Amino acid sequence: MAKAGTGKGATQVITANRLGDGLVIFLTTTGWSKNINAAAISETADATAALLARAEADAGHVVGPYAIDVDRQADGSLRPLKYREALRTRGPSVRTDLGYQAA
């Protein structure tokens, strides 16, 4: 399995933090979304590089874009492979009244 962010044969999406409020967001085909399932997916190193270049060009809107490995579930949803990234999609683990899990 490829390491996160390498784009070597892994299914990946691009994530970053929104500059205005720090929320975790994911690059889509048309912009950014708080929903990982709306993310644009890359399956090759070239596709990942192209998405990452597009994200980095949006420096006025996001900070720290990078690629993460994901797995497509049977229902079509995306699940990050790393625990850290799974936490980022839900919000603080010590305050379930905050973050995306509170919504």
PDB file of N, CA and C in Angstrom:
ATOM      1  N   MET A   1       0.846  -1.186   0.000  1.00  0.00           N
ATOM      2  CA  MET A   1       0.000   0.000   0.000  1.00  0.00           C
ATOM      3  C   MET A   1       0.887   1.245   0.000  1.00  0.00           C
ATOM      4  N   ALA A   2       0.474   2.244  -0.723  1.00  0.00           N
ATOM      5  CA  ALA A   2       1.231   3.492  -0.802  1.00  0.00           C
ATOM      6  C   ALA A   2       1.088   4.293   0.482  1.00  0.00           C
ATOM      7  N   LYS A   3       2.105   5.079   0.768  1.00  0.00           N
ATOM      8  CA  LYS A   3       2.036   5.970   1.920  1.00  0.00           C
ATOM      9  C   LYS A   3       1.128   7.144   1.598  1.00  0.00           C
ATOM     10  N   ALA A   4       0.478   7.689   2.623  1.00  0.00           N
ATOM     11  CA  ALA A   4      -0.404   8.839   2.419  1.00  0.00           C
ATOM     12  C   ALA A   4       0.363   9.963   1.769  1.00  0.00           C
ATOM     13  N   GLY A   5      -0.239  10.532   0.765  1.00  0.00           N
ATOM     14  CA  GLY A   5       0.368  11.677   0.105  1.00  0.00           C
ATOM     15  C   GLY A   5       1.320  11.318  -1.021  1.00  0.00           C
ATOM     16  N   THR A   6       1.549  10.019  -1.288  1.00  0.00           N
ATOM     17  CA  THR A   6       2.492   9.660  -2.327  1.00  0.00           C
ATOM     18  C   THR A   6       1.863   9.557  -3.696  1.00  0.00           C
ATOM     19  N   GLY A   7       0.572   9.206  -3.758  1.00  0.00           N
ATOM     20  CA  GLY A   7      -0.104   9.086  -5.035  1.00  0.00           C
ATOM     21  C   GLY A   7       0.326   7.885  -5.837  1.00  0.00           C
ATOM     22  N   LYS A   8       1.022   6.924  -5.243  1.00  0.00           N
ATOM     23  CA  LYS A   8       1.526   5.759  -5.957  1.00  0.00           C
ATOM     24  C   LYS A   8       0.535   4.616  -5.860  1.00  0.00           C
ATOM     25  N   GLY A   9      -0.491   4.643  -6.686  1.00  0.00           N
ATOM     26  CA  GLY A   9      -1.437   3.562  -6.731  1.00  0.00           C
ATOM     27  C   GLY A   9      -2.551   3.625  -5.699  1.00  0.00           C
ATOM     28  N   ALA A  10      -2.548   4.609  -4.863  1.00  0.00           N
ATOM     29  CA  ALA A  10      -3.580   4.728  -3.834  1.00  0.00           C
ATOM     30  C   ALA A  10      -4.722   5.596  -4.331  1.00  0.00           C
ATOM     31  N   THR A  11      -5.907   5.330  -3.824  1.00  0.00           N
ATOM     32  CA  THR A  11      -7.033   6.223  -4.059  1.00  0.00           C
ATOM     33  C   THR A  11      -6.875   7.361  -3.073  1.00  0.00           C
ATOM     34  N   GLN A  12      -6.830   8.578  -3.573  1.00  0.00           N
ATOM     35  CA  GLN A  12      -6.561   9.725  -2.723  1.00  0.00           C
ATOM     36  C   GLN A  12      -7.516  10.875  -2.972  1.00  0.00           C
ATOM     37  N   VAL A  13      -7.624  11.733  -1.958  1.00  0.00           N
ATOM     38  CA  VAL A  13      -8.328  13.010  -2.057  1.00  0.00           C
ATOM     39  C   VAL A  13      -7.421  14.070  -1.457  1.00  0.00           C
ATOM     40  N   ILE A  14      -7.735  15.321  -1.740  1.00  0.00           N
ATOM     41  CA  ILE A  14      -6.958  16.442  -1.211  1.00  0.00           C
ATOM     42  C   ILE A  14      -7.738  17.084  -0.074  1.00  0.00           C
ATOM     43  N   THR A  15      -7.049  17.294   1.037  1.00  0.00           N
ATOM     44  CA  THR A  15      -7.652  17.951   2.188  1.00  0.00           C
ATOM     45  C   THR A  15      -6.818  19.170   2.565  1.00  0.00           C
ATOM     46  N   ALA A  16      -7.449  20.083   3.282  1.00  0.00           N
ATOM     47  CA  ALA A  16      -6.775  21.294   3.767  1.00  0.00           C
ATOM     48  C   ALA A  16      -7.630  21.858   4.890  1.00  0.00           C
ATOM     49  N   ASN A  17      -7.201  22.979   5.423  1.00  0.00           N
ATOM     50  CA  ASN A  17      -8.013  23.712   6.387  1.00  0.00           C
ATOM     51  C   ASN A  17      -8.436  25.021   5.747  1.00  0.00           C
ATOM     52  N   ARG A  18      -9.703  25.381   5.958  1.00  0.00           N
ATOM     53  CA  ARG A  18     -10.218  26.646   5.420  1.00  0.00           C
ATOM     54  C   ARG A  18      -9.549  27.776   6.179  1.00  0.00           C
ATOM     55  N   LEU A  19      -9.037  28.740   5.453  1.00  0.00           N
ATOM     56  CA  LEU A  19      -8.271  29.833   6.032  1.00  0.00           C
ATOM     57  C   LEU A  19      -9.089  30.679   6.996  1.00  0.00           C
ATOM     58  N   GLY A  20     -10.332  30.942   6.700  1.00  0.00           N
ATOM     59  CA  GLY A  20     -11.148  31.824   7.524  1.00  0.00           C
ATOM     60  C   GLY A  20     -11.485  31.298   8.904  1.00  0.00           C
ATOM     61  N   ASP A  21     -11.737  29.973   9.012  1.00  0.00           N
ATOM     62  CA  ASP A  21     -12.173  29.430  10.303  1.00  0.00           C
ATOM     63  C   ASP A  21     -11.479  28.135  10.711  1.00  0.00           C
ATOM     64  N   GLY A  22     -10.568  27.632   9.894  1.00  0.00           N
ATOM     65  CA  GLY A  22      -9.806  26.434  10.242  1.00  0.00           C
ATOM     66  C   GLY A  22     -10.507  25.117  10.021  1.00  0.00           C
ATOM     67  N   LEU A  23     -11.733  25.131   9.493  1.00  0.00           N
ATOM     68  CA  LEU A  23     -12.457  23.878   9.264  1.00  0.00           C
ATOM     69  C   LEU A  23     -11.731  22.991   8.258  1.00  0.00           C
ATOM     70  N   VAL A  24     -11.823  21.695   8.461  1.00  0.00           N
ATOM     71  CA  VAL A  24     -11.274  20.722   7.532  1.00  0.00           C
ATOM     72  C   VAL A  24     -12.167  20.704   6.298  1.00  0.00           C
ATOM     73  N   ILE A  25     -11.554  20.813   5.132  1.00  0.00           N
ATOM     74  CA  ILE A  25     -12.301  20.796   3.879  1.00  0.00           C
ATOM     75  C   ILE A  25     -11.599  19.887   2.874  1.00  0.00           C
ATOM     76  N   PHE A  26     -12.341  19.507   1.830  1.00  0.00           N
ATOM     77  CA  PHE A  26     -11.848  18.587   0.814  1.00  0.00           C
ATOM     78  C   PHE A  26     -12.072  19.193  -0.562  1.00  0.00           C
ATOM     79  N   LEU A  27     -11.074  19.056  -1.421  1.00  0.00           N
ATOM     80  CA  LEU A  27     -11.161  19.594  -2.780  1.00  0.00           C
ATOM     81  C   LEU A  27     -12.150  18.768  -3.598  1.00  0.00           C
ATOM     82  N   THR A  28     -13.078  19.454  -4.248  1.00  0.00           N
ATOM     83  CA  THR A  28     -14.057  18.808  -5.125  1.00  0.00           C
ATOM     84  C   THR A  28     -13.714  19.164  -6.569  1.00  0.00           C
ATOM     85  N   THR A  29     -14.528  18.728  -7.483  1.00  0.00           N
ATOM     86  CA  THR A  29     -14.293  19.081  -8.888  1.00  0.00           C
ATOM     87  C   THR A  29     -14.597  20.545  -9.163  1.00  0.00           C
ATOM     88  N   THR A  30     -15.363  21.187  -8.272  1.00  0.00           N
ATOM     89  CA  THR A  30     -15.762  22.579  -8.503  1.00  0.00           C
ATOM     90  C   THR A  30     -15.330  23.552  -7.408  1.00  0.00           C
ATOM     91  N   GLY A  31     -14.690  23.082  -6.359  1.00  0.00           N
ATOM     92  CA  GLY A  31     -14.294  23.967  -5.256  1.00  0.00           C
ATOM     93  C   GLY A  31     -13.908  23.156  -4.035  1.00  0.00           C
ATOM     94  N   TRP A  32     -14.498  23.505  -2.889  1.00  0.00           N
ATOM     95  CA  TRP A  32     -14.183  22.839  -1.624  1.00  0.00           C
ATOM     96  C   TRP A  32     -15.470  22.465  -0.905  1.00  0.00           C
ATOM     97  N   SER A  33     -15.400  21.389  -0.116  1.00  0.00           N
ATOM     98  CA  SER A  33     -16.551  20.935   0.652  1.00  0.00           C
ATOM     99  C   SER A  33     -16.100  20.438   2.020  1.00  0.00           C
ATOM    100  N   LYS A  34     -16.986  20.552   3.015  1.00  0.00           N
ATOM    101  CA  LYS A  34     -16.723  19.976   4.331  1.00  0.00           C
ATOM    102  C   LYS A  34     -16.972  18.474   4.316  1.00  0.00           C
ATOM    103  N   ASN A  35     -17.598  17.961   3.267  1.00  0.00           N
ATOM    104  CA  ASN A  35     -17.965  16.556   3.164  1.00  0.00           C
ATOM    105  C   ASN A  35     -16.932  15.785   2.345  1.00  0.00           C
ATOM    106  N   ILE A  36     -16.276  14.840   2.975  1.00  0.00           N
ATOM    107  CA  ILE A  36     -15.256  14.041   2.267  1.00  0.00           C
ATOM    108  C   ILE A  36     -15.850  13.293   1.076  1.00  0.00           C
ATOM    109  N   ASN A  37     -17.127  12.939   1.154  1.00  0.00           N
ATOM    110  CA  ASN A  37     -17.755  12.192   0.069  1.00  0.00           C
ATOM    111  C   ASN A  37     -17.965  13.022  -1.191  1.00  0.00           C
ATOM    112  N   ALA A  38     -17.808  14.321  -1.090  1.00  0.00           N
ATOM    113  CA  ALA A  38     -17.910  15.197  -2.255  1.00  0.00           C
ATOM    114  C   ALA A  38     -16.547  15.426  -2.914  1.00  0.00           C
ATOM    115  N   ALA A  39     -15.490  14.889  -2.319  1.00  0.00           N
ATOM    116  CA  ALA A  39     -14.125  15.141  -2.786  1.00  0.00           C
ATOM    117  C   ALA A  39     -13.859  14.558  -4.164  1.00  0.00           C
ATOM    118  N   ALA A  40     -13.020  15.262  -4.920  1.00  0.00           N
ATOM    119  CA  ALA A  40     -12.519  14.742  -6.188  1.00  0.00           C
ATOM    120  C   ALA A  40     -11.520  13.633  -5.858  1.00  0.00           C
ATOM    121  N   ILE A  41     -11.612  12.524  -6.543  1.00  0.00           N
ATOM    122  CA  ILE A  41     -10.786  11.349  -6.262  1.00  0.00           C
ATOM    123  C   ILE A  41      -9.701  11.213  -7.317  1.00  0.00           C
ATOM    124  N   SER A  42      -8.500  10.855  -6.862  1.00  0.00           N
ATOM    125  CA  SER A  42      -7.421  10.558  -7.800  1.00  0.00           C
ATOM    126  C   SER A  42      -6.974   9.113  -7.592  1.00  0.00           C
ATOM    127  N   GLU A  43      -6.610   8.477  -8.685  1.00  0.00           N
ATOM    128  CA  GLU A  43      -6.164   7.077  -8.649  1.00  0.00           C
ATOM    129  C   GLU A  43      -4.725   6.937  -9.130  1.00  0.00           C
ATOM    130  N   THR A  44      -4.135   8.024  -9.615  1.00  0.00           N
ATOM    131  CA  THR A  44      -2.766   7.970 -10.126  1.00  0.00           C
ATOM    132  C   THR A  44      -1.942   9.117  -9.552  1.00  0.00           C
ATOM    133  N   ALA A  45      -0.634   8.961  -9.629  1.00  0.00           N
ATOM    134  CA  ALA A  45       0.264  10.011  -9.137  1.00  0.00           C
ATOM    135  C   ALA A  45       0.052  11.307  -9.914  1.00  0.00           C
ATOM    136  N   ASP A  46      -0.150  11.215 -11.215  1.00  0.00           N
ATOM    137  CA  ASP A  46      -0.359  12.418 -12.028  1.00  0.00           C
ATOM    138  C   ASP A  46      -1.654  13.132 -11.655  1.00  0.00           C
ATOM    139  N   ALA A  47      -2.717  12.366 -11.436  1.00  0.00           N
ATOM    140  CA  ALA A  47      -4.000  12.967 -11.046  1.00  0.00           C
ATOM    141  C   ALA A  47      -3.879  13.625  -9.673  1.00  0.00           C
ATOM    142  N   THR A  48      -3.181  12.978  -8.745  1.00  0.00           N
ATOM    143  CA  THR A  48      -2.982  13.556  -7.414  1.00  0.00           C
ATOM    144  C   THR A  48      -2.185  14.848  -7.519  1.00  0.00           C
ATOM    145  N   ALA A  49      -1.132  14.841  -8.316  1.00  0.00           N
ATOM    146  CA  ALA A  49      -0.305  16.040  -8.487  1.00  0.00           C
ATOM    147  C   ALA A  49      -1.121  17.190  -9.070  1.00  0.00           C
ATOM    148  N   ALA A  50      -1.991  16.895 -10.025  1.00  0.00           N
ATOM    149  CA  ALA A  50      -2.826  17.932 -10.638  1.00  0.00           C
ATOM    150  C   ALA A  50      -3.808  18.514  -9.624  1.00  0.00           C
ATOM    151  N   LEU A  51      -4.446  17.649  -8.827  1.00  0.00           N
ATOM    152  CA  LEU A  51      -5.375  18.138  -7.807  1.00  0.00           C
ATOM    153  C   LEU A  51      -4.637  18.959  -6.747  1.00  0.00           C
ATOM    154  N   LEU A  52      -3.476  18.481  -6.341  1.00  0.00           N
ATOM    155  CA  LEU A  52      -2.710  19.204  -5.328  1.00  0.00           C
ATOM    156  C   LEU A  52      -2.254  20.570  -5.841  1.00  0.00           C
ATOM    157  N   ALA A  53      -1.854  20.637  -7.090  1.00  0.00           N
ATOM    158  CA  ALA A  53      -1.459  21.927  -7.685  1.00  0.00           C
ATOM    159  C   ALA A  53      -2.646  22.891  -7.701  1.00  0.00           C
ATOM    160  N   ARG A  54      -3.825  22.369  -8.037  1.00  0.00           N
ATOM    161  CA  ARG A  54      -5.035  23.199  -8.022  1.00  0.00           C
ATOM    162  C   ARG A  54      -5.339  23.705  -6.615  1.00  0.00           C
ATOM    163  N   ALA A  55      -5.176  22.844  -5.622  1.00  0.00           N
ATOM    164  CA  ALA A  55      -5.430  23.235  -4.233  1.00  0.00           C
ATOM    165  C   ALA A  55      -4.415  24.279  -3.756  1.00  0.00           C
ATOM    166  N   GLU A  56      -3.160  24.072  -4.088  1.00  0.00           N
ATOM    167  CA  GLU A  56      -2.115  25.005  -3.664  1.00  0.00           C
ATOM    168  C   GLU A  56      -2.276  26.373  -4.314  1.00  0.00           C
ATOM    169  N   ALA A  57      -2.896  26.421  -5.474  1.00  0.00           N
ATOM    170  CA  ALA A  57      -3.138  27.693  -6.154  1.00  0.00           C
ATOM    171  C   ALA A  57      -4.235  28.500  -5.464  1.00  0.00           C
ATOM    172  N   ASP A  58      -4.959  27.876  -4.559  1.00  0.00           N
ATOM    173  CA  ASP A  58      -6.052  28.531  -3.845  1.00  0.00           C
ATOM    174  C   ASP A  58      -5.599  29.003  -2.456  1.00  0.00           C
ATOM    175  N   ALA A  59      -4.392  29.536  -2.386  1.00  0.00           N
ATOM    176  CA  ALA A  59      -3.780  29.928  -1.109  1.00  0.00           C
ATOM    177  C   ALA A  59      -4.570  30.996  -0.361  1.00  0.00           C
ATOM    178  N   GLY A  60      -5.392  31.768  -1.042  1.00  0.00           N
ATOM    179  CA  GLY A  60      -6.199  32.787  -0.383  1.00  0.00           C
ATOM    180  C   GLY A  60      -7.413  32.219   0.339  1.00  0.00           C
ATOM    181  N   HIS A  61      -7.685  30.930   0.121  1.00  0.00           N
ATOM    182  CA  HIS A  61      -8.870  30.293   0.688  1.00  0.00           C
ATOM    183  C   HIS A  61      -8.534  29.164   1.664  1.00  0.00           C
ATOM    184  N   VAL A  62      -7.399  28.465   1.420  1.00  0.00           N
ATOM    185  CA  VAL A  62      -7.033  27.304   2.232  1.00  0.00           C
ATOM    186  C   VAL A  62      -5.585  27.381   2.686  1.00  0.00           C
ATOM    187  N   VAL A  63      -5.289  26.568   3.701  1.00  0.00           N
ATOM    188  CA  VAL A  63      -3.916  26.472   4.194  1.00  0.00           C
ATOM    189  C   VAL A  63      -3.566  24.989   4.343  1.00  0.00           C
ATOM    190  N   GLY A  64      -2.358  24.638   3.940  1.00  0.00           N
ATOM    191  CA  GLY A  64      -1.822  23.303   4.149  1.00  0.00           C
ATOM    192  C   GLY A  64      -2.464  22.168   3.383  1.00  0.00           C
ATOM    193  N   PRO A  65      -2.758  22.325   2.097  1.00  0.00           N
ATOM    194  CA  PRO A  65      -3.367  21.204   1.377  1.00  0.00           C
ATOM    195  C   PRO A  65      -2.394  20.035   1.220  1.00  0.00           C
ATOM    196  N   TYR A  66      -2.936  18.814   1.328  1.00  0.00           N
ATOM    197  CA  TYR A  66      -2.140  17.612   1.106  1.00  0.00           C
ATOM    198  C   TYR A  66      -3.062  16.450   0.746  1.00  0.00           C
ATOM    199  N   ALA A  67      -2.467  15.415   0.166  1.00  0.00           N
ATOM    200  CA  ALA A  67      -3.223  14.241  -0.261  1.00  0.00           C
ATOM    201  C   ALA A  67      -3.321  13.231   0.880  1.00  0.00           C
ATOM    202  N   ILE A  68      -4.487  12.580   0.970  1.00  0.00           N
ATOM    203  CA  ILE A  68      -4.662  11.497   1.932  1.00  0.00           C
ATOM    204  C   ILE A  68      -5.206  10.265   1.220  1.00  0.00           C
ATOM    205  N   ASP A  69      -4.819   9.097   1.712  1.00  0.00           N
ATOM    206  CA  ASP A  69      -5.329   7.843   1.173  1.00  0.00           C
ATOM    207  C   ASP A  69      -6.724   7.589   1.733  1.00  0.00           C
ATOM    208  N   VAL A  70      -7.612   7.142   0.859  1.00  0.00           N
ATOM    209  CA  VAL A  70      -8.981   6.812   1.258  1.00  0.00           C
ATOM    210  C   VAL A  70      -9.367   5.459   0.670  1.00  0.00           C
ATOM    211  N   ASP A  71     -10.394   4.888   1.256  1.00  0.00           N
ATOM    212  CA  ASP A  71     -10.947   3.631   0.778  1.00  0.00           C
ATOM    213  C   ASP A  71     -12.418   3.866   0.473  1.00  0.00           C
ATOM    214  N   ARG A  72     -12.864   3.395  -0.677  1.00  0.00           N
ATOM    215  CA  ARG A  72     -14.278   3.522  -1.021  1.00  0.00           C
ATOM    216  C   ARG A  72     -15.031   2.345  -0.399  1.00  0.00           C
ATOM    217  N   GLN A  73     -16.044   2.672   0.378  1.00  0.00           N
ATOM    218  CA  GLN A  73     -16.850   1.670   1.067  1.00  0.00           C
ATOM    219  C   GLN A  73     -17.902   1.085   0.128  1.00  0.00           C
ATOM    220  N   ALA A  74     -18.538  -0.003   0.543  1.00  0.00           N
ATOM    221  CA  ALA A  74     -19.554  -0.671  -0.276  1.00  0.00           C
ATOM    222  C   ALA A  74     -20.698   0.277  -0.636  1.00  0.00           C
ATOM    223  N   ASP A  75     -21.007   1.231   0.257  1.00  0.00           N
ATOM    224  CA  ASP A  75     -22.099   2.175  -0.017  1.00  0.00           C
ATOM    225  C   ASP A  75     -21.655   3.373  -0.848  1.00  0.00           C
ATOM    226  N   GLY A  76     -20.385   3.377  -1.262  1.00  0.00           N
ATOM    227  CA  GLY A  76     -19.865   4.466  -2.087  1.00  0.00           C
ATOM    228  C   GLY A  76     -19.208   5.592  -1.309  1.00  0.00           C
ATOM    229  N   SER A  77     -19.339   5.580   0.009  1.00  0.00           N
ATOM    230  CA  SER A  77     -18.728   6.636   0.820  1.00  0.00           C
ATOM    231  C   SER A  77     -17.216   6.434   0.895  1.00  0.00           C
ATOM    232  N   LEU A  78     -16.524   7.500   1.246  1.00  0.00           N
ATOM    233  CA  LEU A  78     -15.073   7.464   1.378  1.00  0.00           C
ATOM    234  C   LEU A  78     -14.682   7.416   2.846  1.00  0.00           C
ATOM    235  N   ARG A  79     -13.681   6.591   3.164  1.00  0.00           N
ATOM    236  CA  ARG A  79     -13.181   6.480   4.527  1.00  0.00           C
ATOM    237  C   ARG A  79     -11.679   6.670   4.505  1.00  0.00           C
ATOM    238  N   PRO A  80     -11.163   7.657   5.265  1.00  0.00           N
ATOM    239  CA  PRO A  80      -9.705   7.819   5.341  1.00  0.00           C
ATOM    240  C   PRO A  80      -9.064   6.572   5.937  1.00  0.00           C
ATOM    241  N   LEU A  81      -7.887   6.206   5.438  1.00  0.00           N
ATOM    242  CA  LEU A  81      -7.206   5.022   5.939  1.00  0.00           C
ATOM    243  C   LEU A  81      -6.444   5.281   7.235  1.00  0.00           C
ATOM    244  N   LYS A  82      -6.016   6.493   7.447  1.00  0.00           N
ATOM    245  CA  LYS A  82      -5.273   6.838   8.668  1.00  0.00           C
ATOM    246  C   LYS A  82      -6.237   7.351   9.735  1.00  0.00           C
ATOM    247  N   TYR A  83      -5.996   6.934  10.970  1.00  0.00           N
ATOM    248  CA  TYR A  83      -6.835   7.347  12.092  1.00  0.00           C
ATOM    249  C   TYR A  83      -6.866   8.863  12.237  1.00  0.00           C
ATOM    250  N   ARG A  84      -5.726   9.509  12.075  1.00  0.00           N
ATOM    251  CA  ARG A  84      -5.647  10.974  12.186  1.00  0.00           C
ATOM    252  C   ARG A  84      -6.617  11.645  11.223  1.00  0.00           C
ATOM    253  N   GLU A  85      -6.653  11.154  10.013  1.00  0.00           N
ATOM    254  CA  GLU A  85      -7.528  11.758   9.000  1.00  0.00           C
ATOM    255  C   GLU A  85      -8.995  11.449   9.284  1.00  0.00           C
ATOM    256  N   ALA A  86      -9.277  10.271   9.815  1.00  0.00           N
ATOM    257  CA  ALA A  86     -10.655   9.950  10.198  1.00  0.00           C
ATOM    258  C   ALA A  86     -11.123  10.911  11.288  1.00  0.00           C
ATOM    259  N   LEU A  87     -10.270  11.213  12.252  1.00  0.00           N
ATOM    260  CA  LEU A  87     -10.612  12.175  13.297  1.00  0.00           C
ATOM    261  C   LEU A  87     -10.867  13.563  12.716  1.00  0.00           C
ATOM    262  N   ARG A  88     -10.056  13.954  11.737  1.00  0.00           N
ATOM    263  CA  ARG A  88     -10.227  15.276  11.125  1.00  0.00           C
ATOM    264  C   ARG A  88     -11.587  15.402  10.450  1.00  0.00           C
ATOM    265  N   THR A  89     -12.137  14.289   9.940  1.00  0.00           N
ATOM    266  CA  THR A  89     -13.443  14.361   9.278  1.00  0.00           C
ATOM    267  C   THR A  89     -14.589  14.469  10.268  1.00  0.00           C
ATOM    268  N   ARG A  90     -14.340  14.106  11.544  1.00  0.00           N
ATOM    269  CA  ARG A  90     -15.405  14.126  12.554  1.00  0.00           C
ATOM    270  C   ARG A  90     -15.312  15.304  13.505  1.00  0.00           C
ATOM    271  N   GLY A  91     -14.129  15.722  13.859  1.00  0.00           N
ATOM    272  CA  GLY A  91     -13.968  16.797  14.826  1.00  0.00           C
ATOM    273  C   GLY A  91     -13.296  16.304  16.090  1.00  0.00           C
ATOM    274  N   PRO A  92     -13.199  17.137  17.108  1.00  0.00           N
ATOM    275  CA  PRO A  92     -12.473  16.779  18.330  1.00  0.00           C
ATOM    276  C   PRO A  92     -13.023  15.508  18.984  1.00  0.00           C
ATOM    277  N   SER A  93     -12.129  14.587  19.325  1.00  0.00           N
ATOM    278  CA  SER A  93     -12.561  13.328  19.928  1.00  0.00           C
ATOM    279  C   SER A  93     -12.907  13.482  21.403  1.00  0.00           C
ATOM    280  N   VAL A  94     -12.458  14.550  22.032  1.00  0.00           N
ATOM    281  CA  VAL A  94     -12.738  14.750  23.458  1.00  0.00           C
ATOM    282  C   VAL A  94     -13.944  15.641  23.696  1.00  0.00           C
ATOM    283  N   ARG A  95     -14.473  16.236  22.648  1.00  0.00           N
ATOM    284  CA  ARG A  95     -15.644  17.123  22.756  1.00  0.00           C
ATOM    285  C   ARG A  95     -16.622  16.779  21.652  1.00  0.00           C
ATOM    286  N   THR A  96     -17.458  15.783  21.895  1.00  0.00           N
ATOM    287  CA  THR A  96     -18.405  15.355  20.870  1.00  0.00           C
ATOM    288  C   THR A  96     -19.507  16.385  20.629  1.00  0.00           C
ATOM    289  N   ASP A  97     -19.550  17.428  21.461  1.00  0.00           N
ATOM    290  CA  ASP A  97     -20.519  18.506  21.227  1.00  0.00           C
ATOM    291  C   ASP A  97     -19.983  19.530  20.239  1.00  0.00           C
ATOM    292  N   LEU A  98     -18.746  19.336  19.790  1.00  0.00           N
ATOM    293  CA  LEU A  98     -18.117  20.241  18.819  1.00  0.00           C
ATOM    294  C   LEU A  98     -17.802  19.470  17.551  1.00  0.00           C
ATOM    295  N   GLY A  99     -17.500  20.180  16.495  1.00  0.00           N
ATOM    296  CA  GLY A  99     -17.084  19.547  15.257  1.00  0.00           C
ATOM    297  C   GLY A  99     -18.247  18.970  14.473  1.00  0.00           C
ATOM    298  N   TYR A 100     -17.893  18.213  13.447  1.00  0.00           N
ATOM    299  CA  TYR A 100     -18.891  17.670  12.535  1.00  0.00           C
ATOM    300  C   TYR A 100     -19.819  16.657  13.206  1.00  0.00           C
ATOM    301  N   GLN A 101     -19.310  15.927  14.206  1.00  0.00           N
ATOM    302  CA  GLN A 101     -20.157  14.930  14.857  1.00  0.00           C
ATOM    303  C   GLN A 101     -21.272  15.566  15.663  1.00  0.00           C
ATOM    304  N   ALA A 102     -21.165  16.845  16.005  1.00  0.00           N
ATOM    305  CA  ALA A 102     -22.197  17.536  16.784  1.00  0.00           C
ATOM    306  C   ALA A 102     -23.381  17.951  15.913  1.00  0.00           C
ATOM    307  N   ALA A 103     -23.143  18.044  14.632  1.00  0.00           N
ATOM    308  CA  ALA A 103     -24.189  18.528  13.710  1.00  0.00           C
ATOM    309  C   ALA A 103     -25.321  17.558  13.540  1.00  0.00           C
TER     310      ALA A 103
END
